[in-house]
Amino acid sequence: METIQKNEIDKEWVYLLYTAKQIGLSPEEVRAYLNNPEQHLPTISKIIAQ
């Protein structure tokens, strides 16, 4: 497992959450999708298509 220093921010995660927020997704919805993409893909696809 990779250890990240406390003062280091993962820019890719920040960008992911920023982009998700821009299209109307909450952090909880992103987490749910990452935990089970097959189950949440139809919902995410509908949101993106809007």
PDB file of N, CA and C in Angstrom:
ATOM      1  N   MET A   1       0.848  -1.179   0.000  1.00  0.00           N
ATOM      2  CA  MET A   1       0.000   0.000   0.000  1.00  0.00           C
ATOM      3  C   MET A   1       0.892   1.240   0.000  1.00  0.00           C
ATOM      4  N   GLU A   2       0.532   2.194  -0.819  1.00  0.00           N
ATOM      5  CA  GLU A   2       1.316   3.419  -0.930  1.00  0.00           C
ATOM      6  C   GLU A   2       0.949   4.382   0.196  1.00  0.00           C
ATOM      7  N   THR A   3       1.942   4.965   0.815  1.00  0.00           N
ATOM      8  CA  THR A   3       1.714   5.937   1.875  1.00  0.00           C
ATOM      9  C   THR A   3       1.846   7.337   1.295  1.00  0.00           C
ATOM     10  N   ILE A   4       0.876   8.181   1.608  1.00  0.00           N
ATOM     11  CA  ILE A   4       0.897   9.561   1.131  1.00  0.00           C
ATOM     12  C   ILE A   4       1.077  10.475   2.336  1.00  0.00           C
ATOM     13  N   GLN A   5       1.950  11.451   2.191  1.00  0.00           N
ATOM     14  CA  GLN A   5       2.170  12.396   3.270  1.00  0.00           C
ATOM     15  C   GLN A   5       0.904  13.209   3.492  1.00  0.00           C
ATOM     16  N   LYS A   6       0.702  13.657   4.729  1.00  0.00           N
ATOM     17  CA  LYS A   6      -0.497  14.414   5.078  1.00  0.00           C
ATOM     18  C   LYS A   6      -0.637  15.705   4.279  1.00  0.00           C
ATOM     19  N   ASN A   7       0.457  16.333   3.931  1.00  0.00           N
ATOM     20  CA  ASN A   7       0.378  17.617   3.251  1.00  0.00           C
ATOM     21  C   ASN A   7       0.327  17.475   1.726  1.00  0.00           C
ATOM     22  N   GLU A   8       0.234  16.247   1.234  1.00  0.00           N
ATOM     23  CA  GLU A   8       0.203  16.007  -0.198  1.00  0.00           C
ATOM     24  C   GLU A   8      -1.228  15.690  -0.634  1.00  0.00           C
ATOM     25  N   ILE A   9      -1.719  16.395  -1.643  1.00  0.00           N
ATOM     26  CA  ILE A   9      -3.062  16.182  -2.147  1.00  0.00           C
ATOM     27  C   ILE A   9      -2.967  15.492  -3.497  1.00  0.00           C
ATOM     28  N   ASP A  10      -3.767  14.459  -3.685  1.00  0.00           N
ATOM     29  CA  ASP A  10      -3.796  13.739  -4.947  1.00  0.00           C
ATOM     30  C   ASP A  10      -4.621  14.563  -5.939  1.00  0.00           C
ATOM     31  N   LYS A  11      -3.961  15.175  -6.883  1.00  0.00           N
ATOM     32  CA  LYS A  11      -4.614  16.080  -7.823  1.00  0.00           C
ATOM     33  C   LYS A  11      -5.654  15.372  -8.687  1.00  0.00           C
ATOM     34  N   GLU A  12      -5.432  14.098  -9.002  1.00  0.00           N
ATOM     35  CA  GLU A  12      -6.409  13.366  -9.807  1.00  0.00           C
ATOM     36  C   GLU A  12      -7.720  13.174  -9.053  1.00  0.00           C
ATOM     37  N   TRP A  13      -7.645  12.898  -7.749  1.00  0.00           N
ATOM     38  CA  TRP A  13      -8.868  12.744  -6.952  1.00  0.00           C
ATOM     39  C   TRP A  13      -9.586  14.074  -6.823  1.00  0.00           C
ATOM     40  N   VAL A  14      -8.842  15.127  -6.628  1.00  0.00           N
ATOM     41  CA  VAL A  14      -9.452  16.457  -6.524  1.00  0.00           C
ATOM     42  C   VAL A  14     -10.174  16.783  -7.829  1.00  0.00           C
ATOM     43  N   TYR A  15      -9.529  16.510  -8.959  1.00  0.00           N
ATOM     44  CA  TYR A  15     -10.138  16.786 -10.252  1.00  0.00           C
ATOM     45  C   TYR A  15     -11.373  15.907 -10.473  1.00  0.00           C
ATOM     46  N   LEU A  16     -11.303  14.638 -10.065  1.00  0.00           N
ATOM     47  CA  LEU A  16     -12.453  13.741 -10.183  1.00  0.00           C
ATOM     48  C   LEU A  16     -13.643  14.293  -9.413  1.00  0.00           C
ATOM     49  N   LEU A  17     -13.439  14.675  -8.171  1.00  0.00           N
ATOM     50  CA  LEU A  17     -14.541  15.196  -7.362  1.00  0.00           C
ATOM     51  C   LEU A  17     -15.034  16.544  -7.877  1.00  0.00           C
ATOM     52  N   TYR A  18     -14.124  17.376  -8.368  1.00  0.00           N
ATOM     53  CA  TYR A  18     -14.515  18.662  -8.944  1.00  0.00           C
ATOM     54  C   TYR A  18     -15.393  18.443 -10.179  1.00  0.00           C
ATOM     55  N   THR A  19     -14.972  17.552 -11.052  1.00  0.00           N
ATOM     56  CA  THR A  19     -15.727  17.262 -12.267  1.00  0.00           C
ATOM     57  C   THR A  19     -17.083  16.656 -11.927  1.00  0.00           C
ATOM     58  N   ALA A  20     -17.110  15.742 -10.974  1.00  0.00           N
ATOM     59  CA  ALA A  20     -18.369  15.133 -10.546  1.00  0.00           C
ATOM     60  C   ALA A  20     -19.330  16.198 -10.027  1.00  0.00           C
ATOM     61  N   LYS A  21     -18.813  17.125  -9.257  1.00  0.00           N
ATOM     62  CA  LYS A  21     -19.653  18.196  -8.725  1.00  0.00           C
ATOM     63  C   LYS A  21     -20.209  19.067  -9.856  1.00  0.00           C
ATOM     64  N   GLN A  22     -19.397  19.314 -10.867  1.00  0.00           N
ATOM     65  CA  GLN A  22     -19.821  20.132 -12.003  1.00  0.00           C
ATOM     66  C   GLN A  22     -21.003  19.509 -12.750  1.00  0.00           C
ATOM     67  N   ILE A  23     -21.078  18.182 -12.771  1.00  0.00           N
ATOM     68  CA  ILE A  23     -22.191  17.528 -13.463  1.00  0.00           C
ATOM     69  C   ILE A  23     -23.307  17.106 -12.509  1.00  0.00           C
ATOM     70  N   GLY A  24     -23.184  17.504 -11.249  1.00  0.00           N
ATOM     71  CA  GLY A  24     -24.270  17.286 -10.303  1.00  0.00           C
ATOM     72  C   GLY A  24     -24.183  16.033  -9.456  1.00  0.00           C
ATOM     73  N   LEU A  25     -23.013  15.421  -9.375  1.00  0.00           N
ATOM     74  CA  LEU A  25     -22.855  14.236  -8.538  1.00  0.00           C
ATOM     75  C   LEU A  25     -22.294  14.608  -7.175  1.00  0.00           C
ATOM     76  N   SER A  26     -22.767  13.932  -6.167  1.00  0.00           N
ATOM     77  CA  SER A  26     -22.242  14.143  -4.814  1.00  0.00           C
ATOM     78  C   SER A  26     -21.043  13.230  -4.595  1.00  0.00           C
ATOM     79  N   PRO A  27     -20.218  13.524  -3.594  1.00  0.00           N
ATOM     80  CA  PRO A  27     -19.112  12.615  -3.270  1.00  0.00           C
ATOM     81  C   PRO A  27     -19.602  11.203  -2.946  1.00  0.00           C
ATOM     82  N   GLU A  28     -20.776  11.094  -2.329  1.00  0.00           N
ATOM     83  CA  GLU A  28     -21.333   9.784  -2.011  1.00  0.00           C
ATOM     84  C   GLU A  28     -21.669   9.008  -3.286  1.00  0.00           C
ATOM     85  N   GLU A  29     -22.192   9.699  -4.308  1.00  0.00           N
ATOM     86  CA  GLU A  29     -22.499   9.037  -5.575  1.00  0.00           C
ATOM     87  C   GLU A  29     -21.220   8.581  -6.279  1.00  0.00           C
ATOM     88  N   VAL A  30     -20.178   9.385  -6.208  1.00  0.00           N
ATOM     89  CA  VAL A  30     -18.894   8.988  -6.789  1.00  0.00           C
ATOM     90  C   VAL A  30     -18.367   7.754  -6.066  1.00  0.00           C
ATOM     91  N   ARG A  31     -18.429   7.763  -4.751  1.00  0.00           N
ATOM     92  CA  ARG A  31     -17.966   6.626  -3.954  1.00  0.00           C
ATOM     93  C   ARG A  31     -18.759   5.365  -4.300  1.00  0.00           C
ATOM     94  N   ALA A  32     -20.079   5.497  -4.396  1.00  0.00           N
ATOM     95  CA  ALA A  32     -20.920   4.344  -4.732  1.00  0.00           C
ATOM     96  C   ALA A  32     -20.559   3.797  -6.103  1.00  0.00           C
ATOM     97  N   TYR A  33     -20.336   4.682  -7.052  1.00  0.00           N
ATOM     98  CA  TYR A  33     -19.953   4.250  -8.394  1.00  0.00           C
ATOM     99  C   TYR A  33     -18.594   3.533  -8.369  1.00  0.00           C
ATOM    100  N   LEU A  34     -17.634   4.086  -7.679  1.00  0.00           N
ATOM    101  CA  LEU A  34     -16.312   3.463  -7.632  1.00  0.00           C
ATOM    102  C   LEU A  34     -16.341   2.103  -6.944  1.00  0.00           C
ATOM    103  N   ASN A  35     -17.237   1.946  -5.980  1.00  0.00           N
ATOM    104  CA  ASN A  35     -17.360   0.666  -5.289  1.00  0.00           C
ATOM    105  C   ASN A  35     -18.089  -0.387  -6.117  1.00  0.00           C
ATOM    106  N   ASN A  36     -18.994   0.046  -7.009  1.00  0.00           N
ATOM    107  CA  ASN A  36     -19.772  -0.898  -7.807  1.00  0.00           C
ATOM    108  C   ASN A  36     -20.184  -0.239  -9.119  1.00  0.00           C
ATOM    109  N   PRO A  37     -19.261  -0.086 -10.066  1.00  0.00           N
ATOM    110  CA  PRO A  37     -19.546   0.640 -11.302  1.00  0.00           C
ATOM    111  C   PRO A  37     -20.671   0.039 -12.136  1.00  0.00           C
ATOM    112  N   GLU A  38     -20.783  -1.285 -12.183  1.00  0.00           N
ATOM    113  CA  GLU A  38     -21.821  -1.899 -13.009  1.00  0.00           C
ATOM    114  C   GLU A  38     -23.219  -1.513 -12.539  1.00  0.00           C
ATOM    115  N   GLN A  39     -23.399  -1.426 -11.249  1.00  0.00           N
ATOM    116  CA  GLN A  39     -24.710  -1.106 -10.692  1.00  0.00           C
ATOM    117  C   GLN A  39     -25.072   0.360 -10.936  1.00  0.00           C
ATOM    118  N   HIS A  40     -24.109   1.249 -10.910  1.00  0.00           N
ATOM    119  CA  HIS A  40     -24.381   2.677 -10.982  1.00  0.00           C
ATOM    120  C   HIS A  40     -24.158   3.288 -12.358  1.00  0.00           C
ATOM    121  N   LEU A  41     -23.659   2.524 -13.306  1.00  0.00           N
ATOM    122  CA  LEU A  41     -23.381   3.066 -14.627  1.00  0.00           C
ATOM    123  C   LEU A  41     -24.617   3.650 -15.308  1.00  0.00           C
ATOM    124  N   PRO A  42     -25.792   2.998 -15.274  1.00  0.00           N
ATOM    125  CA  PRO A  42     -26.963   3.615 -15.921  1.00  0.00           C
ATOM    126  C   PRO A  42     -27.317   4.979 -15.339  1.00  0.00           C
ATOM    127  N   THR A  43     -27.222   5.119 -14.039  1.00  0.00           N
ATOM    128  CA  THR A  43     -27.533   6.398 -13.389  1.00  0.00           C
ATOM    129  C   THR A  43     -26.524   7.466 -13.799  1.00  0.00           C
ATOM    130  N   ILE A  44     -25.252   7.140 -13.772  1.00  0.00           N
ATOM    131  CA  ILE A  44     -24.196   8.077 -14.142  1.00  0.00           C
ATOM    132  C   ILE A  44     -24.352   8.476 -15.617  1.00  0.00           C
ATOM    133  N   SER A  45     -24.651   7.497 -16.464  1.00  0.00           N
ATOM    134  CA  SER A  45     -24.810   7.774 -17.895  1.00  0.00           C
ATOM    135  C   SER A  45     -25.947   8.759 -18.143  1.00  0.00           C
ATOM    136  N   LYS A  46     -27.052   8.614 -17.417  1.00  0.00           N
ATOM    137  CA  LYS A  46     -28.188   9.536 -17.574  1.00  0.00           C
ATOM    138  C   LYS A  46     -27.810  10.948 -17.148  1.00  0.00           C
ATOM    139  N   ILE A  47     -27.076  11.068 -16.063  1.00  0.00           N
ATOM    140  CA  ILE A  47     -26.681  12.380 -15.564  1.00  0.00           C
ATOM    141  C   ILE A  47     -25.747  13.050 -16.560  1.00  0.00           C
ATOM    142  N   ILE A  48     -24.797  12.309 -17.102  1.00  0.00           N
ATOM    143  CA  ILE A  48     -23.841  12.871 -18.047  1.00  0.00           C
ATOM    144  C   ILE A  48     -24.525  13.288 -19.327  1.00  0.00           C
ATOM    145  N   ALA A  49     -25.535  12.547 -19.774  1.00  0.00           N
ATOM    146  CA  ALA A  49     -26.239  12.824 -21.028  1.00  0.00           C
ATOM    147  C   ALA A  49     -27.065  14.106 -20.970  1.00  0.00           C
ATOM    148  N   GLN A  50     -27.375  14.593 -19.796  1.00  0.00           N
ATOM    149  CA  GLN A  50     -28.234  15.784 -19.660  1.00  0.00           C
ATOM    150  C   GLN A  50     -27.583  17.017 -20.160  1.00  0.00           C
TER     151      GLN A  50
END
